[in-house]
Amino acid sequence: MASTLAFVDWEGAITALDSGRLPCSGGERAVLRIAASMSGGIPVDLRDVLTGLDSVNRALAATAVAHSAGLPTLEGDST
């Protein structure tokens, strides 16, 4: 069975975001910055991006960070 792979140019995405060529909401901007940091090693100021998220997306971001660190998630799932 073949696997499908995807490539994301994180630096290009953040460059487009910063130059105004990637229109998005404040929440979408914050989620993209968090993803680019976790996946692409691009520094992010968590204080800035987390305060721009609603409670649902803030909880999802916390779960993603815990999962990437190998910690149990908020639901107690360690996978």
PDB file of N, CA and C in Angstrom:
ATOM      1  N   MET A   1       0.851  -1.181   0.000  1.00  0.00           N
ATOM      2  CA  MET A   1       0.000   0.000   0.000  1.00  0.00           C
ATOM      3  C   MET A   1       0.895   1.242   0.000  1.00  0.00           C
ATOM      4  N   ALA A   2       0.648   2.159  -0.879  1.00  0.00           N
ATOM      5  CA  ALA A   2       1.451   3.375  -1.005  1.00  0.00           C
ATOM      6  C   ALA A   2       1.075   4.381   0.078  1.00  0.00           C
ATOM      7  N   SER A   3       2.075   5.096   0.528  1.00  0.00           N
ATOM      8  CA  SER A   3       1.846   6.157   1.505  1.00  0.00           C
ATOM      9  C   SER A   3       1.842   7.507   0.803  1.00  0.00           C
ATOM     10  N   THR A   4       0.995   8.371   1.247  1.00  0.00           N
ATOM     11  CA  THR A   4       0.956   9.723   0.716  1.00  0.00           C
ATOM     12  C   THR A   4       1.700  10.631   1.672  1.00  0.00           C
ATOM     13  N   LEU A   5       2.618  11.390   1.146  1.00  0.00           N
ATOM     14  CA  LEU A   5       3.387  12.323   1.957  1.00  0.00           C
ATOM     15  C   LEU A   5       3.036  13.748   1.563  1.00  0.00           C
ATOM     16  N   ALA A   6       3.192  14.632   2.487  1.00  0.00           N
ATOM     17  CA  ALA A   6       2.955  16.048   2.204  1.00  0.00           C
ATOM     18  C   ALA A   6       4.176  16.843   2.638  1.00  0.00           C
ATOM     19  N   PHE A   7       4.432  17.914   1.955  1.00  0.00           N
ATOM     20  CA  PHE A   7       5.516  18.814   2.309  1.00  0.00           C
ATOM     21  C   PHE A   7       4.927  20.192   2.524  1.00  0.00           C
ATOM     22  N   VAL A   8       5.285  20.809   3.612  1.00  0.00           N
ATOM     23  CA  VAL A   8       4.830  22.174   3.886  1.00  0.00           C
ATOM     24  C   VAL A   8       6.067  23.061   3.969  1.00  0.00           C
ATOM     25  N   ASP A   9       6.081  24.102   3.192  1.00  0.00           N
ATOM     26  CA  ASP A   9       7.153  25.097   3.248  1.00  0.00           C
ATOM     27  C   ASP A   9       6.793  26.076   4.366  1.00  0.00           C
ATOM     28  N   TRP A  10       7.174  25.733   5.598  1.00  0.00           N
ATOM     29  CA  TRP A  10       6.793  26.543   6.761  1.00  0.00           C
ATOM     30  C   TRP A  10       7.346  27.961   6.666  1.00  0.00           C
ATOM     31  N   GLU A  11       8.615  28.083   6.259  1.00  0.00           N
ATOM     32  CA  GLU A  11       9.199  29.422   6.134  1.00  0.00           C
ATOM     33  C   GLU A  11       8.464  30.242   5.085  1.00  0.00           C
ATOM     34  N   GLY A  12       8.120  29.605   3.965  1.00  0.00           N
ATOM     35  CA  GLY A  12       7.368  30.300   2.921  1.00  0.00           C
ATOM     36  C   GLY A  12       5.992  30.719   3.395  1.00  0.00           C
ATOM     37  N   ALA A  13       5.349  29.856   4.167  1.00  0.00           N
ATOM     38  CA  ALA A  13       4.017  30.177   4.690  1.00  0.00           C
ATOM     39  C   ALA A  13       4.081  31.367   5.643  1.00  0.00           C
ATOM     40  N   ILE A  14       5.062  31.381   6.517  1.00  0.00           N
ATOM     41  CA  ILE A  14       5.193  32.491   7.473  1.00  0.00           C
ATOM     42  C   ILE A  14       5.598  33.770   6.754  1.00  0.00           C
ATOM     43  N   THR A  15       6.464  33.658   5.748  1.00  0.00           N
ATOM     44  CA  THR A  15       6.838  34.833   4.951  1.00  0.00           C
ATOM     45  C   THR A  15       5.604  35.413   4.261  1.00  0.00           C
ATOM     46  N   ALA A  16       4.780  34.547   3.672  1.00  0.00           N
ATOM     47  CA  ALA A  16       3.549  35.007   3.027  1.00  0.00           C
ATOM     48  C   ALA A  16       2.607  35.630   4.043  1.00  0.00           C
ATOM     49  N   LEU A  17       2.517  35.046   5.215  1.00  0.00           N
ATOM     50  CA  LEU A  17       1.667  35.570   6.281  1.00  0.00           C
ATOM     51  C   LEU A  17       2.136  36.967   6.690  1.00  0.00           C
ATOM     52  N   ASP A  18       3.440  37.094   6.932  1.00  0.00           N
ATOM     53  CA  ASP A  18       3.996  38.368   7.393  1.00  0.00           C
ATOM     54  C   ASP A  18       3.921  39.470   6.343  1.00  0.00           C
ATOM     55  N   SER A  19       3.941  39.085   5.060  1.00  0.00           N
ATOM     56  CA  SER A  19       3.911  40.089   3.995  1.00  0.00           C
ATOM     57  C   SER A  19       2.486  40.434   3.559  1.00  0.00           C
ATOM     58  N   GLY A  20       1.486  39.786   4.186  1.00  0.00           N
ATOM     59  CA  GLY A  20       0.094  40.071   3.855  1.00  0.00           C
ATOM     60  C   GLY A  20      -0.415  39.339   2.628  1.00  0.00           C
ATOM     61  N   ARG A  21       0.376  38.370   2.111  1.00  0.00           N
ATOM     62  CA  ARG A  21      -0.051  37.625   0.933  1.00  0.00           C
ATOM     63  C   ARG A  21      -0.869  36.391   1.288  1.00  0.00           C
ATOM     64  N   LEU A  22      -1.059  36.137   2.563  1.00  0.00           N
ATOM     65  CA  LEU A  22      -1.833  34.986   3.009  1.00  0.00           C
ATOM     66  C   LEU A  22      -2.939  35.491   3.936  1.00  0.00           C
ATOM     67  N   PRO A  23      -4.070  35.862   3.375  1.00  0.00           N
ATOM     68  CA  PRO A  23      -5.143  36.405   4.207  1.00  0.00           C
ATOM     69  C   PRO A  23      -5.735  35.328   5.109  1.00  0.00           C
ATOM     70  N   CYS A  24      -5.935  35.681   6.359  1.00  0.00           N
ATOM     71  CA  CYS A  24      -6.541  34.746   7.301  1.00  0.00           C
ATOM     72  C   CYS A  24      -7.007  35.509   8.534  1.00  0.00           C
ATOM     73  N   SER A  25      -7.792  34.832   9.345  1.00  0.00           N
ATOM     74  CA  SER A  25      -8.282  35.444  10.584  1.00  0.00           C
ATOM     75  C   SER A  25      -7.158  35.435  11.622  1.00  0.00           C
ATOM     76  N   GLY A  26      -7.392  36.128  12.711  1.00  0.00           N
ATOM     77  CA  GLY A  26      -6.408  36.146  13.790  1.00  0.00           C
ATOM     78  C   GLY A  26      -6.164  34.768  14.375  1.00  0.00           C
ATOM     79  N   GLY A  27      -7.231  33.985  14.523  1.00  0.00           N
ATOM     80  CA  GLY A  27      -7.083  32.628  15.045  1.00  0.00           C
ATOM     81  C   GLY A  27      -6.326  31.732  14.091  1.00  0.00           C
ATOM     82  N   GLU A  28      -6.621  31.854  12.795  1.00  0.00           N
ATOM     83  CA  GLU A  28      -5.907  31.063  11.790  1.00  0.00           C
ATOM     84  C   GLU A  28      -4.435  31.441  11.761  1.00  0.00           C
ATOM     85  N   ARG A  29      -4.160  32.714  11.901  1.00  0.00           N
ATOM     86  CA  ARG A  29      -2.775  33.205  11.943  1.00  0.00           C
ATOM     87  C   ARG A  29      -2.034  32.582  13.132  1.00  0.00           C
ATOM     88  N   ALA A  30      -2.680  32.571  14.284  1.00  0.00           N
ATOM     89  CA  ALA A  30      -2.054  32.016  15.488  1.00  0.00           C
ATOM     90  C   ALA A  30      -1.796  30.510  15.341  1.00  0.00           C
ATOM     91  N   VAL A  31      -2.782  29.785  14.818  1.00  0.00           N
ATOM     92  CA  VAL A  31      -2.621  28.338  14.645  1.00  0.00           C
ATOM     93  C   VAL A  31      -1.497  28.051  13.654  1.00  0.00           C
ATOM     94  N   LEU A  32      -1.413  28.820  12.572  1.00  0.00           N
ATOM     95  CA  LEU A  32      -0.338  28.621  11.607  1.00  0.00           C
ATOM     96  C   LEU A  32       1.017  28.869  12.248  1.00  0.00           C
ATOM     97  N   ARG A  33       1.128  29.901  13.049  1.00  0.00           N
ATOM     98  CA  ARG A  33       2.412  30.189  13.715  1.00  0.00           C
ATOM     99  C   ARG A  33       2.795  29.062  14.682  1.00  0.00           C
ATOM    100  N   ILE A  34       1.832  28.523  15.405  1.00  0.00           N
ATOM    101  CA  ILE A  34       2.118  27.418  16.328  1.00  0.00           C
ATOM    102  C   ILE A  34       2.559  26.181  15.541  1.00  0.00           C
ATOM    103  N   ALA A  35       1.839  25.872  14.465  1.00  0.00           N
ATOM    104  CA  ALA A  35       2.192  24.711  13.641  1.00  0.00           C
ATOM    105  C   ALA A  35       3.576  24.877  13.026  1.00  0.00           C
ATOM    106  N   ALA A  36       3.880  26.076  12.535  1.00  0.00           N
ATOM    107  CA  ALA A  36       5.190  26.326  11.929  1.00  0.00           C
ATOM    108  C   ALA A  36       6.297  26.201  12.965  1.00  0.00           C
ATOM    109  N   SER A  37       6.016  26.575  14.178  1.00  0.00           N
ATOM    110  CA  SER A  37       7.006  26.447  15.238  1.00  0.00           C
ATOM    111  C   SER A  37       7.243  24.983  15.608  1.00  0.00           C
ATOM    112  N   MET A  38       6.142  24.245  15.770  1.00  0.00           N
ATOM    113  CA  MET A  38       6.261  22.842  16.174  1.00  0.00           C
ATOM    114  C   MET A  38       6.827  21.971  15.057  1.00  0.00           C
ATOM    115  N   SER A  39       6.452  22.251  13.820  1.00  0.00           N
ATOM    116  CA  SER A  39       6.849  21.391  12.702  1.00  0.00           C
ATOM    117  C   SER A  39       8.074  21.888  11.961  1.00  0.00           C
ATOM    118  N   GLY A  40       8.229  23.200  11.903  1.00  0.00           N
ATOM    119  CA  GLY A  40       9.307  23.765  11.102  1.00  0.00           C
ATOM    120  C   GLY A  40      10.404  24.444  11.894  1.00  0.00           C
ATOM    121  N   GLY A  41      10.262  24.444  13.221  1.00  0.00           N
ATOM    122  CA  GLY A  41      11.299  25.053  14.057  1.00  0.00           C
ATOM    123  C   GLY A  41      11.354  26.565  13.976  1.00  0.00           C
ATOM    124  N   ILE A  42      10.292  27.187  13.534  1.00  0.00           N
ATOM    125  CA  ILE A  42      10.253  28.636  13.424  1.00  0.00           C
ATOM    126  C   ILE A  42       9.814  29.213  14.767  1.00  0.00           C
ATOM    127  N   PRO A  43      10.635  30.086  15.353  1.00  0.00           N
ATOM    128  CA  PRO A  43      10.305  30.617  16.682  1.00  0.00           C
ATOM    129  C   PRO A  43       8.947  31.326  16.704  1.00  0.00           C
ATOM    130  N   VAL A  44       8.268  31.179  17.833  1.00  0.00           N
ATOM    131  CA  VAL A  44       6.971  31.831  18.016  1.00  0.00           C
ATOM    132  C   VAL A  44       6.884  32.329  19.454  1.00  0.00           C
ATOM    133  N   ASP A  45       6.261  33.464  19.635  1.00  0.00           N
ATOM    134  CA  ASP A  45       6.004  33.990  20.973  1.00  0.00           C
ATOM    135  C   ASP A  45       4.649  33.446  21.411  1.00  0.00           C
ATOM    136  N   LEU A  46       4.674  32.426  22.276  1.00  0.00           N
ATOM    137  CA  LEU A  46       3.422  31.787  22.681  1.00  0.00           C
ATOM    138  C   LEU A  46       2.481  32.742  23.392  1.00  0.00           C
ATOM    139  N   ARG A  47       3.015  33.686  24.124  1.00  0.00           N
ATOM    140  CA  ARG A  47       2.142  34.653  24.798  1.00  0.00           C
ATOM    141  C   ARG A  47       1.315  35.424  23.775  1.00  0.00           C
ATOM    142  N   ASP A  48       1.957  35.807  22.684  1.00  0.00           N
ATOM    143  CA  ASP A  48       1.235  36.548  21.646  1.00  0.00           C
ATOM    144  C   ASP A  48       0.199  35.684  20.949  1.00  0.00           C
ATOM    145  N   VAL A  49       0.571  34.466  20.549  1.00  0.00           N
ATOM    146  CA  VAL A  49      -0.360  33.671  19.757  1.00  0.00           C
ATOM    147  C   VAL A  49      -1.454  33.038  20.604  1.00  0.00           C
ATOM    148  N   LEU A  50      -1.150  32.634  21.820  1.00  0.00           N
ATOM    149  CA  LEU A  50      -2.175  31.976  22.641  1.00  0.00           C
ATOM    150  C   LEU A  50      -3.261  32.939  23.096  1.00  0.00           C
ATOM    151  N   THR A  51      -2.895  34.189  23.320  1.00  0.00           N
ATOM    152  CA  THR A  51      -3.913  35.144  23.759  1.00  0.00           C
ATOM    153  C   THR A  51      -4.878  35.490  22.630  1.00  0.00           C
ATOM    154  N   GLY A  52      -4.502  35.205  21.386  1.00  0.00           N
ATOM    155  CA  GLY A  52      -5.380  35.471  20.260  1.00  0.00           C
ATOM    156  C   GLY A  52      -6.305  34.324  19.913  1.00  0.00           C
ATOM    157  N   LEU A  53      -6.215  33.218  20.648  1.00  0.00           N
ATOM    158  CA  LEU A  53      -7.042  32.052  20.352  1.00  0.00           C
ATOM    159  C   LEU A  53      -8.262  31.988  21.264  1.00  0.00           C
ATOM    160  N   ASP A  54      -9.336  31.428  20.742  1.00  0.00           N
ATOM    161  CA  ASP A  54     -10.495  31.176  21.599  1.00  0.00           C
ATOM    162  C   ASP A  54     -10.186  29.961  22.476  1.00  0.00           C
ATOM    163  N   SER A  55     -11.049  29.666  23.416  1.00  0.00           N
ATOM    164  CA  SER A  55     -10.762  28.604  24.386  1.00  0.00           C
ATOM    165  C   SER A  55     -10.651  27.229  23.740  1.00  0.00           C
ATOM    166  N   VAL A  56     -11.423  26.961  22.705  1.00  0.00           N
ATOM    167  CA  VAL A  56     -11.358  25.659  22.026  1.00  0.00           C
ATOM    168  C   VAL A  56     -10.001  25.483  21.354  1.00  0.00           C
ATOM    169  N   ASN A  57      -9.570  26.482  20.583  1.00  0.00           N
ATOM    170  CA  ASN A  57      -8.286  26.372  19.899  1.00  0.00           C
ATOM    171  C   ASN A  57      -7.104  26.442  20.860  1.00  0.00           C
ATOM    172  N   ARG A  58      -7.249  27.161  21.966  1.00  0.00           N
ATOM    173  CA  ARG A  58      -6.197  27.194  22.981  1.00  0.00           C
ATOM    174  C   ARG A  58      -6.025  25.803  23.592  1.00  0.00           C
ATOM    175  N   ALA A  59      -7.130  25.107  23.862  1.00  0.00           N
ATOM    176  CA  ALA A  59      -7.063  23.751  24.406  1.00  0.00           C
ATOM    177  C   ALA A  59      -6.458  22.789  23.384  1.00  0.00           C
ATOM    178  N   LEU A  60      -6.816  22.944  22.107  1.00  0.00           N
ATOM    179  CA  LEU A  60      -6.242  22.095  21.066  1.00  0.00           C
ATOM    180  C   LEU A  60      -4.736  22.326  20.943  1.00  0.00           C
ATOM    181  N   ALA A  61      -4.303  23.575  21.038  1.00  0.00           N
ATOM    182  CA  ALA A  61      -2.871  23.880  20.970  1.00  0.00           C
ATOM    183  C   ALA A  61      -2.138  23.260  22.158  1.00  0.00           C
ATOM    184  N   ALA A  62      -2.728  23.348  23.345  1.00  0.00           N
ATOM    185  CA  ALA A  62      -2.105  22.748  24.533  1.00  0.00           C
ATOM    186  C   ALA A  62      -2.000  21.233  24.388  1.00  0.00           C
ATOM    187  N   THR A  63      -3.022  20.619  23.833  1.00  0.00           N
ATOM    188  CA  THR A  63      -3.005  19.173  23.603  1.00  0.00           C
ATOM    189  C   THR A  63      -1.920  18.805  22.602  1.00  0.00           C
ATOM    190  N   ALA A  64      -1.781  19.588  21.534  1.00  0.00           N
ATOM    191  CA  ALA A  64      -0.751  19.320  20.526  1.00  0.00           C
ATOM    192  C   ALA A  64       0.646  19.436  21.119  1.00  0.00           C
ATOM    193  N   VAL A  65       0.876  20.449  21.942  1.00  0.00           N
ATOM    194  CA  VAL A  65       2.182  20.631  22.577  1.00  0.00           C
ATOM    195  C   VAL A  65       2.468  19.469  23.522  1.00  0.00           C
ATOM    196  N   ALA A  66       1.491  19.081  24.328  1.00  0.00           N
ATOM    197  CA  ALA A  66       1.682  17.951  25.247  1.00  0.00           C
ATOM    198  C   ALA A  66       1.974  16.676  24.466  1.00  0.00           C
ATOM    199  N   HIS A  67       1.238  16.443  23.400  1.00  0.00           N
ATOM    200  CA  HIS A  67       1.442  15.245  22.591  1.00  0.00           C
ATOM    201  C   HIS A  67       2.838  15.233  21.973  1.00  0.00           C
ATOM    202  N   SER A  68       3.267  16.363  21.444  1.00  0.00           N
ATOM    203  CA  SER A  68       4.588  16.422  20.807  1.00  0.00           C
ATOM    204  C   SER A  68       5.715  16.213  21.813  1.00  0.00           C
ATOM    205  N   ALA A  69       5.459  16.528  23.072  1.00  0.00           N
ATOM    206  CA  ALA A  69       6.451  16.327  24.127  1.00  0.00           C
ATOM    207  C   ALA A  69       6.364  14.932  24.728  1.00  0.00           C
ATOM    208  N   GLY A  70       5.415  14.120  24.250  1.00  0.00           N
ATOM    209  CA  GLY A  70       5.274  12.769  24.773  1.00  0.00           C
ATOM    210  C   GLY A  70       4.553  12.708  26.112  1.00  0.00           C
ATOM    211  N   LEU A  71       3.869  13.771  26.452  1.00  0.00           N
ATOM    212  CA  LEU A  71       3.142  13.843  27.718  1.00  0.00           C
ATOM    213  C   LEU A  71       1.701  13.418  27.521  1.00  0.00           C
ATOM    214  N   PRO A  72       1.064  12.978  28.598  1.00  0.00           N
ATOM    215  CA  PRO A  72      -0.374  12.665  28.472  1.00  0.00           C
ATOM    216  C   PRO A  72      -1.140  13.928  28.105  1.00  0.00           C
ATOM    217  N   THR A  73      -2.141  13.790  27.254  1.00  0.00           N
ATOM    218  CA  THR A  73      -2.949  14.955  26.877  1.00  0.00           C
ATOM    219  C   THR A  73      -3.944  15.254  27.981  1.00  0.00           C
ATOM    220  N   LEU A  74      -4.673  16.322  27.806  1.00  0.00           N
ATOM    221  CA  LEU A  74      -5.655  16.720  28.815  1.00  0.00           C
ATOM    222  C   LEU A  74      -6.691  15.656  29.071  1.00  0.00           C
ATOM    223  N   GLU A  75      -6.960  14.825  28.058  1.00  0.00           N
ATOM    224  CA  GLU A  75      -7.938  13.738  28.213  1.00  0.00           C
ATOM    225  C   GLU A  75      -7.307  12.497  28.825  1.00  0.00           C
ATOM    226  N   GLY A  76      -5.989  12.560  29.112  1.00  0.00           N
ATOM    227  CA  GLY A  76      -5.305  11.409  29.698  1.00  0.00           C
ATOM    228  C   GLY A  76      -4.806  10.409  28.680  1.00  0.00           C
ATOM    229  N   ASP A  77      -4.896  10.729  27.390  1.00  0.00           N
ATOM    230  CA  ASP A  77      -4.445   9.838  26.334  1.00  0.00           C
ATOM    231  C   ASP A  77      -2.970  10.123  26.066  1.00  0.00           C
ATOM    232  N   SER A  78      -2.116   9.125  26.212  1.00  0.00           N
ATOM    233  CA  SER A  78      -0.684   9.330  26.022  1.00  0.00           C
ATOM    234  C   SER A  78      -0.215   8.963  24.637  1.00  0.00           C
ATOM    235  N   THR A  79      -1.144   8.765  23.680  1.00  0.00           N
ATOM    236  CA  THR A  79      -0.743   8.406  22.322  1.00  0.00           C
ATOM    237  C   THR A  79      -0.585   9.612  21.456  1.00  0.00           C
TER     238      THR A  79
END
